[in-house]
Amino acid sequence: MVPHGEMTVTEQEPLNKQYKLTIIVSNYNQEKHLAETLDSIYAQRVNYPFRVIITDDHSTKDGSIDWIKDYAKAHSNIETIFAEENGGYLTNILRAKERTKTDYFCLLDVEDYWTDADFLQRAYDYLEGHPECVIYESNVEVVAEGKTKGRPFLSTKHRSGTYTKEMFLRNEPIPITQTTGMFFRNCIFRNGIPEVMENAIGTRSERSFEGDRGRFIMHLKEGPAYYDDRMVGVYRLTEGGIWNRLSKSQKRVINARMYIDYCQYYGSHEDFFVNRAYKSLQEYILEKQRGLKELNLSAEFIDETERLMAADVYRFCKQYEDKIIKEKGIIHKLKQAYRGFRA
């Protein structure tokens, strides 16, 4: 079970009402963005009923909680969850996913918002008409906080079309958009939270299950994704974002660790996952070595969690060394280059 701690759940309509879609909005001290995010939900033109779960991770630095309560009074399809202690992003969204039993779901981070009023209807219609697909995704615009113009999250080289697990496992280019542009068939969480996700809470694996990339990879195991290259919303870059505040080397080691966890989730395809973890580990080592050299620092200055995460990846690669396609001897070179792997 997800460790809830003390929390208050407010339902305004019965859970057995025939909603088709659940929209999960996770908040933590982001009162200033709530109106734009939630208003973009209710600006959507849909012909089916949906519900919204706003899950607040114990906001104490602004007026988020009172603002959410007031907004919910005007919308009977909003359910609110207020945690009595901060549990972190993964715990906060899993609280909502546990309560998501509709046919479809999507997430809209509280800093982001939709700009295409037909996105939810188009996504629903496509998945209703293509029962083999489990993901519908579109491109979004990346806009820095305080700016009005941005750039596409995905390169325009990606074409609209269907993408499969087999393509992913062959290392073919697959468009994986940001959370704002994703819409899922509820083929995983309808049956509860997967054990591998529950076990990740409070561990170095937690980051693997927080983001859009991991969410996409999990669902791709269950069926194909369809990518529509239209722009549907805004992904706002904020200083406090869980991903944006990380350094390049931290992002690389998290990606490397993610492939270990998804090897466990898939329960197969070790050749693919070990090679992806190995490549990400190489990139991390090179990035970290450059950073330490520029700052004239030794390996002792590496963050402890980051160091241990890299050690996890090293041991995983060492375990499957015979499956690594290129430069098998790199494992030994990595150990020499980064003594932290002895942890």
C-alpha atoms as a PDB file:
ATOM      1  CA  MET A   1       0.000   0.000   0.000  1.00  0.00           C
ATOM      2  CA  VAL A   2       1.040   3.576  -0.662  1.00  0.00           C
ATOM      3  CA  PRO A   3       2.103   5.166   2.675  1.00  0.00           C
ATOM      4  CA  HIS A   4      -0.610   7.791   3.024  1.00  0.00           C
ATOM      5  CA  GLY A   5       0.033   9.124   6.499  1.00  0.00           C
ATOM      6  CA  GLU A   6      -2.826  11.308   7.696  1.00  0.00           C
ATOM      7  CA  MET A   7      -4.865  12.825   4.886  1.00  0.00           C
ATOM      8  CA  THR A   8      -8.298  14.235   4.171  1.00  0.00           C
ATOM      9  CA  VAL A   9     -10.251  13.096   1.115  1.00  0.00           C
ATOM     10  CA  THR A  10     -13.314  15.026  -0.036  1.00  0.00           C
ATOM     11  CA  GLU A  11     -15.646  13.453  -2.598  1.00  0.00           C
ATOM     12  CA  GLN A  12     -18.455  15.609  -3.963  1.00  0.00           C
ATOM     13  CA  GLU A  13     -20.022  12.987  -6.221  1.00  0.00           C
ATOM     14  CA  PRO A  14     -20.171   9.176  -5.807  1.00  0.00           C
ATOM     15  CA  LEU A  15     -17.165   7.222  -7.099  1.00  0.00           C
ATOM     16  CA  ASN A  16     -19.477   4.842  -8.991  1.00  0.00           C
ATOM     17  CA  LYS A  17     -20.715   7.609 -11.292  1.00  0.00           C
ATOM     18  CA  GLN A  18     -19.879   6.680 -14.878  1.00  0.00           C
ATOM     19  CA  TYR A  19     -16.926   8.978 -15.425  1.00  0.00           C
ATOM     20  CA  LYS A  20     -14.745   8.090 -18.398  1.00  0.00           C
ATOM     21  CA  LEU A  21     -11.612  10.036 -17.505  1.00  0.00           C
ATOM     22  CA  THR A  22      -9.713  11.018 -14.353  1.00  0.00           C
ATOM     23  CA  ILE A  23      -7.445  14.064 -14.504  1.00  0.00           C
ATOM     24  CA  ILE A  24      -4.863  14.124 -11.709  1.00  0.00           C
ATOM     25  CA  VAL A  25      -3.468  17.490 -10.606  1.00  0.00           C
ATOM     26  CA  SER A  26      -0.605  17.319  -8.099  1.00  0.00           C
ATOM     27  CA  ASN A  27       0.088  20.455  -6.075  1.00  0.00           C
ATOM     28  CA  TYR A  28       2.707  21.584  -3.607  1.00  0.00           C
ATOM     29  CA  ASN A  29       2.861  25.299  -2.788  1.00  0.00           C
ATOM     30  CA  GLN A  30       1.906  26.410  -6.308  1.00  0.00           C
ATOM     31  CA  GLU A  31      -1.118  28.599  -5.592  1.00  0.00           C
ATOM     32  CA  LYS A  32       0.016  31.131  -8.208  1.00  0.00           C
ATOM     33  CA  HIS A  33      -0.426  28.587 -11.027  1.00  0.00           C
ATOM     34  CA  LEU A  34      -3.590  26.805  -9.887  1.00  0.00           C
ATOM     35  CA  ALA A  35      -6.114  29.024 -11.656  1.00  0.00           C
ATOM     36  CA  GLU A  36      -4.475  28.820 -15.088  1.00  0.00           C
ATOM     37  CA  THR A  37      -4.028  25.052 -14.813  1.00  0.00           C
ATOM     38  CA  LEU A  38      -7.533  24.223 -13.601  1.00  0.00           C
ATOM     39  CA  ASP A  39      -9.255  26.729 -15.882  1.00  0.00           C
ATOM     40  CA  SER A  40      -7.553  25.043 -18.845  1.00  0.00           C
ATOM     41  CA  ILE A  41      -9.206  21.777 -17.777  1.00  0.00           C
ATOM     42  CA  TYR A  42     -12.681  23.268 -17.719  1.00  0.00           C
ATOM     43  CA  ALA A  43     -12.054  24.972 -21.064  1.00  0.00           C
ATOM     44  CA  GLN A  44     -11.843  21.535 -22.698  1.00  0.00           C
ATOM     45  CA  ARG A  45     -14.694  20.680 -25.084  1.00  0.00           C
ATOM     46  CA  VAL A  46     -15.728  17.086 -24.340  1.00  0.00           C
ATOM     47  CA  ASN A  47     -18.896  15.023 -24.774  1.00  0.00           C
ATOM     48  CA  TYR A  48     -18.157  12.588 -21.936  1.00  0.00           C
ATOM     49  CA  PRO A  49     -18.034  12.979 -18.139  1.00  0.00           C
ATOM     50  CA  PHE A  50     -14.668  13.355 -16.396  1.00  0.00           C
ATOM     51  CA  ARG A  51     -13.497  13.845 -12.847  1.00  0.00           C
ATOM     52  CA  VAL A  52     -10.582  15.793 -11.409  1.00  0.00           C
ATOM     53  CA  ILE A  53      -8.495  14.708  -8.425  1.00  0.00           C
ATOM     54  CA  ILE A  54      -6.459  17.517  -6.889  1.00  0.00           C
ATOM     55  CA  THR A  55      -3.907  15.998  -4.534  1.00  0.00           C
ATOM     56  CA  ASP A  56      -2.022  18.435  -2.309  1.00  0.00           C
ATOM     57  CA  ASP A  57       1.225  17.317  -0.675  1.00  0.00           C
ATOM     58  CA  HIS A  58       0.886  19.381   2.526  1.00  0.00           C
ATOM     59  CA  SER A  59       1.298  22.916   1.156  1.00  0.00           C
ATOM     60  CA  THR A  60       2.204  25.293   3.992  1.00  0.00           C
ATOM     61  CA  LYS A  61       4.011  28.178   2.271  1.00  0.00           C
ATOM     62  CA  ASP A  62       1.056  29.727   0.452  1.00  0.00           C
ATOM     63  CA  GLY A  63      -2.732  29.666   0.379  1.00  0.00           C
ATOM     64  CA  SER A  64      -3.029  26.588  -1.858  1.00  0.00           C
ATOM     65  CA  ILE A  65      -5.310  24.592   0.414  1.00  0.00           C
ATOM     66  CA  ASP A  66      -7.937  27.303   0.911  1.00  0.00           C
ATOM     67  CA  TRP A  67      -7.766  28.198  -2.795  1.00  0.00           C
ATOM     68  CA  ILE A  68      -8.346  24.558  -3.825  1.00  0.00           C
ATOM     69  CA  LYS A  69     -11.277  24.189  -1.419  1.00  0.00           C
ATOM     70  CA  ASP A  70     -12.933  27.312  -2.801  1.00  0.00           C
ATOM     71  CA  TYR A  71     -12.410  26.229  -6.417  1.00  0.00           C
ATOM     72  CA  ALA A  72     -13.771  22.748  -5.703  1.00  0.00           C
ATOM     73  CA  LYS A  73     -17.027  24.220  -4.369  1.00  0.00           C
ATOM     74  CA  ALA A  74     -17.832  25.429  -7.876  1.00  0.00           C
ATOM     75  CA  HIS A  75     -17.186  22.034  -9.542  1.00  0.00           C
ATOM     76  CA  SER A  76     -18.963  18.938  -8.305  1.00  0.00           C
ATOM     77  CA  ASN A  77     -16.643  16.588 -10.211  1.00  0.00           C
ATOM     78  CA  ILE A  78     -13.550  17.606  -8.208  1.00  0.00           C
ATOM     79  CA  GLU A  79     -12.205  15.306  -5.515  1.00  0.00           C
ATOM     80  CA  THR A  80      -9.560  16.695  -3.187  1.00  0.00           C
ATOM     81  CA  ILE A  81      -6.831  14.968  -1.204  1.00  0.00           C
ATOM     82  CA  PHE A  82      -4.979  16.954   1.463  1.00  0.00           C
ATOM     83  CA  ALA A  83      -1.973  15.238   3.022  1.00  0.00           C
ATOM     84  CA  GLU A  84      -1.122  16.046   6.638  1.00  0.00           C
ATOM     85  CA  GLU A  85       2.587  15.572   5.932  1.00  0.00           C
ATOM     86  CA  ASN A  86       4.786  15.948   2.879  1.00  0.00           C
ATOM     87  CA  GLY A  87       5.388  12.619   1.142  1.00  0.00           C
ATOM     88  CA  GLY A  88       7.127  13.702  -2.061  1.00  0.00           C
ATOM     89  CA  TYR A  89       5.923  13.784  -5.645  1.00  0.00           C
ATOM     90  CA  LEU A  90       5.623  10.022  -6.243  1.00  0.00           C
ATOM     91  CA  THR A  91       3.629   9.401  -3.083  1.00  0.00           C
ATOM     92  CA  ASN A  92       1.390  12.349  -3.876  1.00  0.00           C
ATOM     93  CA  ILE A  93       0.417  11.136  -7.348  1.00  0.00           C
ATOM     94  CA  LEU A  94       0.059   7.506  -6.229  1.00  0.00           C
ATOM     95  CA  ARG A  95      -2.514   8.600  -3.643  1.00  0.00           C
ATOM     96  CA  ALA A  96      -4.611   9.767  -6.577  1.00  0.00           C
ATOM     97  CA  LYS A  97      -3.814   6.836  -8.867  1.00  0.00           C
ATOM     98  CA  GLU A  98      -5.044   4.439  -6.187  1.00  0.00           C
ATOM     99  CA  ARG A  99      -8.439   6.115  -6.534  1.00  0.00           C
ATOM    100  CA  THR A 100      -8.416   6.160 -10.345  1.00  0.00           C
ATOM    101  CA  LYS A 101     -10.788   3.495 -11.661  1.00  0.00           C
ATOM    102  CA  THR A 102     -12.005   5.212 -14.826  1.00  0.00           C
ATOM    103  CA  ASP A 103     -11.295   3.874 -18.323  1.00  0.00           C
ATOM    104  CA  TYR A 104      -8.754   6.624 -18.962  1.00  0.00           C
ATOM    105  CA  PHE A 105      -6.535   8.986 -16.997  1.00  0.00           C
ATOM    106  CA  CYS A 106      -4.028  11.759 -17.490  1.00  0.00           C
ATOM    107  CA  LEU A 107      -1.925  14.061 -15.323  1.00  0.00           C
ATOM    108  CA  LEU A 108      -1.593  17.816 -15.521  1.00  0.00           C
ATOM    109  CA  ASP A 109       1.175  19.203 -13.340  1.00  0.00           C
ATOM    110  CA  VAL A 110       0.085  22.355 -11.588  1.00  0.00           C
ATOM    111  CA  GLU A 111       2.677  24.535 -13.347  1.00  0.00           C
ATOM    112  CA  ASP A 112       1.350  23.485 -16.781  1.00  0.00           C
ATOM    113  CA  TYR A 113      -1.840  23.998 -18.770  1.00  0.00           C
ATOM    114  CA  TRP A 114      -3.662  22.990 -21.945  1.00  0.00           C
ATOM    115  CA  THR A 115      -4.048  25.379 -24.867  1.00  0.00           C
ATOM    116  CA  ASP A 116      -5.885  23.104 -27.320  1.00  0.00           C
ATOM    117  CA  ALA A 117      -9.507  22.877 -26.127  1.00  0.00           C
ATOM    118  CA  ASP A 118     -10.092  19.705 -28.169  1.00  0.00           C
ATOM    119  CA  PHE A 119      -7.150  17.672 -26.860  1.00  0.00           C
ATOM    120  CA  LEU A 120      -9.075  15.522 -24.366  1.00  0.00           C
ATOM    121  CA  GLN A 121     -11.877  14.781 -26.835  1.00  0.00           C
ATOM    122  CA  ARG A 122      -9.449  13.889 -29.611  1.00  0.00           C
ATOM    123  CA  ALA A 123      -7.434  11.609 -27.333  1.00  0.00           C
ATOM    124  CA  TYR A 124     -10.572   9.881 -26.039  1.00  0.00           C
ATOM    125  CA  ASP A 125     -11.995   9.361 -29.531  1.00  0.00           C
ATOM    126  CA  TYR A 126      -8.740   7.871 -30.796  1.00  0.00           C
ATOM    127  CA  LEU A 127      -8.330   5.357 -27.974  1.00  0.00           C
ATOM    128  CA  GLU A 128     -12.024   4.431 -28.117  1.00  0.00           C
ATOM    129  CA  GLY A 129     -11.586   3.664 -31.800  1.00  0.00           C
ATOM    130  CA  HIS A 130      -8.255   1.857 -31.390  1.00  0.00           C
ATOM    131  CA  PRO A 131      -8.576  -0.583 -28.465  1.00  0.00           C
ATOM    132  CA  GLU A 132      -5.100  -1.991 -29.127  1.00  0.00           C
ATOM    133  CA  CYS A 133      -3.486   1.363 -28.211  1.00  0.00           C
ATOM    134  CA  VAL A 134      -2.935   2.434 -24.605  1.00  0.00           C
ATOM    135  CA  ILE A 135      -1.271   5.851 -25.062  1.00  0.00           C
ATOM    136  CA  TYR A 136      -2.300   8.925 -27.021  1.00  0.00           C
ATOM    137  CA  GLU A 137       0.270  11.723 -26.981  1.00  0.00           C
ATOM    138  CA  SER A 138       0.852  15.125 -28.546  1.00  0.00           C
ATOM    139  CA  ASN A 139       3.571  17.738 -28.560  1.00  0.00           C
ATOM    140  CA  VAL A 140       3.702  20.635 -26.070  1.00  0.00           C
ATOM    141  CA  GLU A 141       5.457  23.982 -25.901  1.00  0.00           C
ATOM    142  CA  VAL A 142       8.262  24.495 -23.387  1.00  0.00           C
ATOM    143  CA  VAL A 143       8.053  27.981 -21.884  1.00  0.00           C
ATOM    144  CA  ALA A 144      10.361  29.375 -19.188  1.00  0.00           C
ATOM    145  CA  GLU A 145       8.576  30.954 -16.236  1.00  0.00           C
ATOM    146  CA  GLY A 146       7.957  34.627 -16.909  1.00  0.00           C
ATOM    147  CA  LYS A 147       8.251  34.206 -20.689  1.00  0.00           C
ATOM    148  CA  THR A 148       5.476  34.101 -23.293  1.00  0.00           C
ATOM    149  CA  LYS A 149       7.199  32.219 -26.100  1.00  0.00           C
ATOM    150  CA  GLY A 150       9.005  28.904 -26.039  1.00  0.00           C
ATOM    151  CA  ARG A 151      10.035  25.919 -28.144  1.00  0.00           C
ATOM    152  CA  PRO A 152       8.530  22.537 -29.024  1.00  0.00           C
ATOM    153  CA  PHE A 153       9.244  19.826 -26.452  1.00  0.00           C
ATOM    154  CA  LEU A 154       9.685  17.284 -29.249  1.00  0.00           C
ATOM    155  CA  SER A 155      11.577  17.836 -32.466  1.00  0.00           C
ATOM    156  CA  THR A 156       9.506  18.263 -35.592  1.00  0.00           C
ATOM    157  CA  LYS A 157      11.344  15.260 -37.073  1.00  0.00           C
ATOM    158  CA  HIS A 158       8.916  12.997 -35.206  1.00  0.00           C
ATOM    159  CA  ARG A 159       5.922  12.183 -37.379  1.00  0.00           C
ATOM    160  CA  SER A 160       2.401  11.364 -36.335  1.00  0.00           C
ATOM    161  CA  GLY A 161       1.914   7.619 -36.167  1.00  0.00           C
ATOM    162  CA  THR A 162       1.877   4.462 -34.076  1.00  0.00           C
ATOM    163  CA  TYR A 163       4.878   3.426 -31.977  1.00  0.00           C
ATOM    164  CA  THR A 164       5.300   0.033 -30.320  1.00  0.00           C
ATOM    165  CA  LYS A 165       7.219  -1.706 -27.557  1.00  0.00           C
ATOM    166  CA  GLU A 166       9.111  -3.664 -30.193  1.00  0.00           C
ATOM    167  CA  MET A 167      10.330  -0.416 -31.780  1.00  0.00           C
ATOM    168  CA  PHE A 168      11.440   0.842 -28.368  1.00  0.00           C
ATOM    169  CA  LEU A 169      13.336  -2.383 -27.659  1.00  0.00           C
ATOM    170  CA  ARG A 170      15.072  -2.108 -31.042  1.00  0.00           C
ATOM    171  CA  ASN A 171      16.312   1.354 -30.058  1.00  0.00           C
ATOM    172  CA  GLU A 172      14.287   3.014 -32.803  1.00  0.00           C
ATOM    173  CA  PRO A 173      13.499   6.712 -32.219  1.00  0.00           C
ATOM    174  CA  ILE A 174      10.204   7.074 -30.384  1.00  0.00           C
ATOM    175  CA  PRO A 175       8.595  10.399 -29.455  1.00  0.00           C
ATOM    176  CA  ILE A 176       8.008  10.592 -25.706  1.00  0.00           C
ATOM    177  CA  THR A 177       6.305  13.847 -24.868  1.00  0.00           C
ATOM    178  CA  GLN A 178       5.989  15.698 -21.568  1.00  0.00           C
ATOM    179  CA  THR A 179       3.178  14.917 -19.099  1.00  0.00           C
ATOM    180  CA  THR A 180       0.874  17.677 -20.410  1.00  0.00           C
ATOM    181  CA  GLY A 181       0.620  15.917 -23.778  1.00  0.00           C
ATOM    182  CA  MET A 182      -0.058  12.371 -22.502  1.00  0.00           C
ATOM    183  CA  PHE A 183      -3.401  10.549 -22.231  1.00  0.00           C
ATOM    184  CA  PHE A 184      -3.560   6.911 -21.049  1.00  0.00           C
ATOM    185  CA  ARG A 185      -5.860   3.933 -21.119  1.00  0.00           C
ATOM    186  CA  ASN A 186      -6.125   2.876 -17.466  1.00  0.00           C
ATOM    187  CA  CYS A 187      -4.747  -0.617 -17.976  1.00  0.00           C
ATOM    188  CA  ILE A 188      -2.351  -0.571 -14.994  1.00  0.00           C
ATOM    189  CA  PHE A 189      -3.683   1.428 -12.047  1.00  0.00           C
ATOM    190  CA  ARG A 190      -7.249   0.177 -12.344  1.00  0.00           C
ATOM    191  CA  ASN A 191      -5.950  -3.003 -10.720  1.00  0.00           C
ATOM    192  CA  GLY A 192      -3.976  -1.216  -8.019  1.00  0.00           C
ATOM    193  CA  ILE A 193      -0.473   0.196  -7.739  1.00  0.00           C
ATOM    194  CA  PRO A 194       2.229  -2.149  -9.110  1.00  0.00           C
ATOM    195  CA  GLU A 195       4.412  -3.583  -6.371  1.00  0.00           C
ATOM    196  CA  VAL A 196       7.599  -2.291  -8.000  1.00  0.00           C
ATOM    197  CA  MET A 197       6.250   1.275  -7.651  1.00  0.00           C
ATOM    198  CA  GLU A 198       5.157   0.862  -4.051  1.00  0.00           C
ATOM    199  CA  ASN A 199       8.533  -0.605  -3.156  1.00  0.00           C
ATOM    200  CA  ALA A 200      10.284   2.348  -4.799  1.00  0.00           C
ATOM    201  CA  ILE A 201       8.857   4.910  -2.361  1.00  0.00           C
ATOM    202  CA  GLY A 202      11.603   6.264  -0.124  1.00  0.00           C
ATOM    203  CA  THR A 203      14.373   4.489  -2.056  1.00  0.00           C
ATOM    204  CA  ARG A 204      16.815   5.434  -4.805  1.00  0.00           C
ATOM    205  CA  SER A 205      14.330   3.982  -7.297  1.00  0.00           C
ATOM    206  CA  GLU A 206      11.722   6.621  -6.494  1.00  0.00           C
ATOM    207  CA  ARG A 207      12.856   8.958  -9.266  1.00  0.00           C
ATOM    208  CA  SER A 208      12.369   6.214 -11.855  1.00  0.00           C
ATOM    209  CA  PHE A 209       8.602   6.306 -11.433  1.00  0.00           C
ATOM    210  CA  GLU A 210       7.993  10.035 -11.022  1.00  0.00           C
ATOM    211  CA  GLY A 211       8.332  11.297 -14.568  1.00  0.00           C
ATOM    212  CA  ASP A 212       6.653  11.196 -17.945  1.00  0.00           C
ATOM    213  CA  ARG A 213       9.312   9.002 -19.557  1.00  0.00           C
ATOM    214  CA  GLY A 214       8.925   6.228 -17.000  1.00  0.00           C
ATOM    215  CA  ARG A 215       5.124   6.454 -17.167  1.00  0.00           C
ATOM    216  CA  PHE A 216       5.311   6.088 -20.943  1.00  0.00           C
ATOM    217  CA  ILE A 217       7.659   3.085 -20.798  1.00  0.00           C
ATOM    218  CA  MET A 218       5.410   1.324 -18.273  1.00  0.00           C
ATOM    219  CA  HIS A 219       2.346   1.687 -20.470  1.00  0.00           C
ATOM    220  CA  LEU A 220       4.171   0.847 -23.697  1.00  0.00           C
ATOM    221  CA  LYS A 221       4.632  -2.639 -22.243  1.00  0.00           C
ATOM    222  CA  GLU A 222       0.847  -2.995 -22.338  1.00  0.00           C
ATOM    223  CA  GLY A 223       0.264  -1.769 -25.898  1.00  0.00           C
ATOM    224  CA  PRO A 224       1.185   0.731 -28.641  1.00  0.00           C
ATOM    225  CA  ALA A 225       1.225   4.520 -28.443  1.00  0.00           C
ATOM    226  CA  TYR A 226      -0.159   6.913 -31.009  1.00  0.00           C
ATOM    227  CA  TYR A 227       1.648  10.241 -31.488  1.00  0.00           C
ATOM    228  CA  ASP A 228      -0.187  13.255 -32.925  1.00  0.00           C
ATOM    229  CA  ASP A 229       2.290  16.034 -33.663  1.00  0.00           C
ATOM    230  CA  ARG A 230      -0.116  18.882 -32.873  1.00  0.00           C
ATOM    231  CA  MET A 231       0.768  21.296 -30.071  1.00  0.00           C
ATOM    232  CA  VAL A 232      -1.722  20.943 -27.207  1.00  0.00           C
ATOM    233  CA  GLY A 233      -0.370  22.708 -24.126  1.00  0.00           C
ATOM    234  CA  VAL A 234       2.405  24.425 -22.218  1.00  0.00           C
ATOM    235  CA  TYR A 235       5.089  22.840 -20.085  1.00  0.00           C
ATOM    236  CA  ARG A 236       6.312  25.627 -17.856  1.00  0.00           C
ATOM    237  CA  LEU A 237       9.951  25.525 -16.770  1.00  0.00           C
ATOM    238  CA  THR A 238      10.159  26.626 -13.141  1.00  0.00           C
ATOM    239  CA  GLU A 239      13.161  26.768 -10.844  1.00  0.00           C
ATOM    240  CA  GLY A 240      11.490  24.511  -8.310  1.00  0.00           C
ATOM    241  CA  GLY A 241      10.490  21.804 -10.801  1.00  0.00           C
ATOM    242  CA  ILE A 242      11.484  18.298  -9.693  1.00  0.00           C
ATOM    243  CA  TRP A 243      13.426  17.749 -12.938  1.00  0.00           C
ATOM    244  CA  ASN A 244      14.523  21.255 -13.870  1.00  0.00           C
ATOM    245  CA  ARG A 245      16.440  21.836 -10.652  1.00  0.00           C
ATOM    246  CA  LEU A 246      18.723  18.855 -11.276  1.00  0.00           C
ATOM    247  CA  SER A 247      22.173  19.086 -12.856  1.00  0.00           C
ATOM    248  CA  LYS A 248      22.990  17.298 -16.122  1.00  0.00           C
ATOM    249  CA  SER A 249      24.962  14.618 -14.312  1.00  0.00           C
ATOM    250  CA  GLN A 250      22.116  13.999 -11.846  1.00  0.00           C
ATOM    251  CA  LYS A 251      19.670  13.567 -14.728  1.00  0.00           C
ATOM    252  CA  ARG A 252      22.005  11.112 -16.417  1.00  0.00           C
ATOM    253  CA  VAL A 253      22.445   8.909 -13.368  1.00  0.00           C
ATOM    254  CA  ILE A 254      18.673   8.929 -12.734  1.00  0.00           C
ATOM    255  CA  ASN A 255      18.112   7.794 -16.334  1.00  0.00           C
ATOM    256  CA  ALA A 256      20.677   5.041 -15.840  1.00  0.00           C
ATOM    257  CA  ARG A 257      18.979   3.890 -12.638  1.00  0.00           C
ATOM    258  CA  MET A 258      15.592   3.995 -14.399  1.00  0.00           C
ATOM    259  CA  TYR A 259      16.631   1.286 -16.832  1.00  0.00           C
ATOM    260  CA  ILE A 260      17.402  -1.045 -13.931  1.00  0.00           C
ATOM    261  CA  ASP A 261      13.939  -0.510 -12.480  1.00  0.00           C
ATOM    262  CA  TYR A 262      12.189  -0.965 -15.805  1.00  0.00           C
ATOM    263  CA  CYS A 263      14.130  -4.141 -16.429  1.00  0.00           C
ATOM    264  CA  GLN A 264      12.520  -5.368 -13.220  1.00  0.00           C
ATOM    265  CA  TYR A 265       9.084  -4.108 -14.295  1.00  0.00           C
ATOM    266  CA  TYR A 266       9.272  -5.740 -17.740  1.00  0.00           C
ATOM    267  CA  GLY A 267      10.703  -8.932 -16.271  1.00  0.00           C
ATOM    268  CA  SER A 268      12.571  -9.592 -19.515  1.00  0.00           C
ATOM    269  CA  HIS A 269      14.693  -7.962 -22.240  1.00  0.00           C
ATOM    270  CA  GLU A 270      17.782  -7.736 -20.020  1.00  0.00           C
ATOM    271  CA  ASP A 271      19.973  -7.240 -23.111  1.00  0.00           C
ATOM    272  CA  PHE A 272      18.170  -4.027 -24.002  1.00  0.00           C
ATOM    273  CA  PHE A 273      17.940  -2.563 -20.520  1.00  0.00           C
ATOM    274  CA  VAL A 274      21.524  -3.327 -19.487  1.00  0.00           C
ATOM    275  CA  ASN A 275      22.848  -1.666 -22.630  1.00  0.00           C
ATOM    276  CA  ARG A 276      20.724   1.434 -22.043  1.00  0.00           C
ATOM    277  CA  ALA A 277      21.832   1.570 -18.404  1.00  0.00           C
ATOM    278  CA  TYR A 278      25.441   1.071 -19.492  1.00  0.00           C
ATOM    279  CA  LYS A 279      25.270   3.897 -22.035  1.00  0.00           C
ATOM    280  CA  SER A 280      23.654   6.270 -19.535  1.00  0.00           C
ATOM    281  CA  LEU A 281      26.300   5.349 -16.963  1.00  0.00           C
ATOM    282  CA  GLN A 282      29.043   6.169 -19.441  1.00  0.00           C
ATOM    283  CA  GLU A 283      27.448   9.550 -20.133  1.00  0.00           C
ATOM    284  CA  TYR A 284      27.126  10.201 -16.413  1.00  0.00           C
ATOM    285  CA  ILE A 285      30.780   9.381 -15.737  1.00  0.00           C
ATOM    286  CA  LEU A 286      31.993  11.659 -18.524  1.00  0.00           C
ATOM    287  CA  GLU A 287      29.717  14.491 -17.380  1.00  0.00           C
ATOM    288  CA  LYS A 288      30.780  14.103 -13.755  1.00  0.00           C
ATOM    289  CA  GLN A 289      34.472  13.919 -14.591  1.00  0.00           C
ATOM    290  CA  ARG A 290      34.205  17.128 -16.602  1.00  0.00           C
ATOM    291  CA  GLY A 291      32.390  18.881 -13.768  1.00  0.00           C
ATOM    292  CA  LEU A 292      34.866  17.805 -11.098  1.00  0.00           C
ATOM    293  CA  LYS A 293      37.818  18.765 -13.267  1.00  0.00           C
ATOM    294  CA  GLU A 294      36.392  22.221 -13.981  1.00  0.00           C
ATOM    295  CA  LEU A 295      35.847  22.826 -10.274  1.00  0.00           C
ATOM    296  CA  ASN A 296      39.139  21.204  -9.272  1.00  0.00           C
ATOM    297  CA  LEU A 297      37.328  18.807  -6.942  1.00  0.00           C
ATOM    298  CA  SER A 298      37.795  15.137  -6.100  1.00  0.00           C
ATOM    299  CA  ALA A 299      35.186  12.352  -6.109  1.00  0.00           C
ATOM    300  CA  GLU A 300      34.489  12.937  -2.405  1.00  0.00           C
ATOM    301  CA  PHE A 301      32.445  15.976  -3.415  1.00  0.00           C
ATOM    302  CA  ILE A 302      29.842  13.886  -5.261  1.00  0.00           C
ATOM    303  CA  ASP A 303      26.433  13.896  -3.593  1.00  0.00           C
ATOM    304  CA  GLU A 304      25.972  10.721  -1.517  1.00  0.00           C
ATOM    305  CA  THR A 305      22.633   9.721  -3.049  1.00  0.00           C
ATOM    306  CA  GLU A 306      23.982  10.313  -6.532  1.00  0.00           C
ATOM    307  CA  ARG A 307      27.098   8.282  -5.746  1.00  0.00           C
ATOM    308  CA  LEU A 308      25.087   5.352  -4.420  1.00  0.00           C
ATOM    309  CA  MET A 309      22.733   5.487  -7.402  1.00  0.00           C
ATOM    310  CA  ALA A 310      25.714   5.288  -9.749  1.00  0.00           C
ATOM    311  CA  ALA A 311      27.030   2.359  -7.698  1.00  0.00           C
ATOM    312  CA  ASP A 312      23.687   0.567  -8.174  1.00  0.00           C
ATOM    313  CA  VAL A 313      23.976   0.964 -11.932  1.00  0.00           C
ATOM    314  CA  TYR A 314      27.582  -0.195 -11.944  1.00  0.00           C
ATOM    315  CA  ARG A 315      26.696  -3.399 -10.080  1.00  0.00           C
ATOM    316  CA  PHE A 316      23.773  -4.029 -12.449  1.00  0.00           C
ATOM    317  CA  CYS A 317      26.023  -3.619 -15.495  1.00  0.00           C
ATOM    318  CA  LYS A 318      28.683  -5.816 -13.909  1.00  0.00           C
ATOM    319  CA  GLN A 319      26.110  -8.540 -13.265  1.00  0.00           C
ATOM    320  CA  TYR A 320      25.121  -8.591 -16.956  1.00  0.00           C
ATOM    321  CA  GLU A 321      28.535  -7.743 -18.406  1.00  0.00           C
ATOM    322  CA  ASP A 322      28.275 -10.556 -20.938  1.00  0.00           C
ATOM    323  CA  LYS A 323      25.202  -8.868 -22.458  1.00  0.00           C
ATOM    324  CA  ILE A 324      26.862  -5.511 -23.097  1.00  0.00           C
ATOM    325  CA  ILE A 325      27.263  -5.120 -26.829  1.00  0.00           C
ATOM    326  CA  LYS A 326      30.144  -2.666 -27.143  1.00  0.00           C
ATOM    327  CA  GLU A 327      33.420  -2.267 -25.312  1.00  0.00           C
ATOM    328  CA  LYS A 328      32.887  -4.898 -22.656  1.00  0.00           C
ATOM    329  CA  GLY A 329      36.073  -3.829 -20.914  1.00  0.00           C
ATOM    330  CA  ILE A 330      34.528  -0.461 -20.137  1.00  0.00           C
ATOM    331  CA  ILE A 331      33.227  -1.828 -16.833  1.00  0.00           C
ATOM    332  CA  HIS A 332      36.769  -2.079 -15.515  1.00  0.00           C
ATOM    333  CA  LYS A 333      37.662   1.326 -16.909  1.00  0.00           C
ATOM    334  CA  LEU A 334      34.656   2.830 -15.177  1.00  0.00           C
ATOM    335  CA  LYS A 335      35.704   1.313 -11.879  1.00  0.00           C
ATOM    336  CA  GLN A 336      39.143   2.852 -12.215  1.00  0.00           C
ATOM    337  CA  ALA A 337      37.706   6.219 -13.240  1.00  0.00           C
ATOM    338  CA  TYR A 338      35.158   6.397 -10.461  1.00  0.00           C
ATOM    339  CA  ARG A 339      36.164   4.853  -7.161  1.00  0.00           C
ATOM    340  CA  GLY A 340      32.730   5.565  -5.715  1.00  0.00           C
ATOM    341  CA  PHE A 341      31.512   2.361  -7.374  1.00  0.00           C
ATOM    342  CA  ARG A 342      33.128   0.395  -4.563  1.00  0.00           C
ATOM    343  CA  ALA A 343      30.284   1.554  -2.276  1.00  0.00           C
END
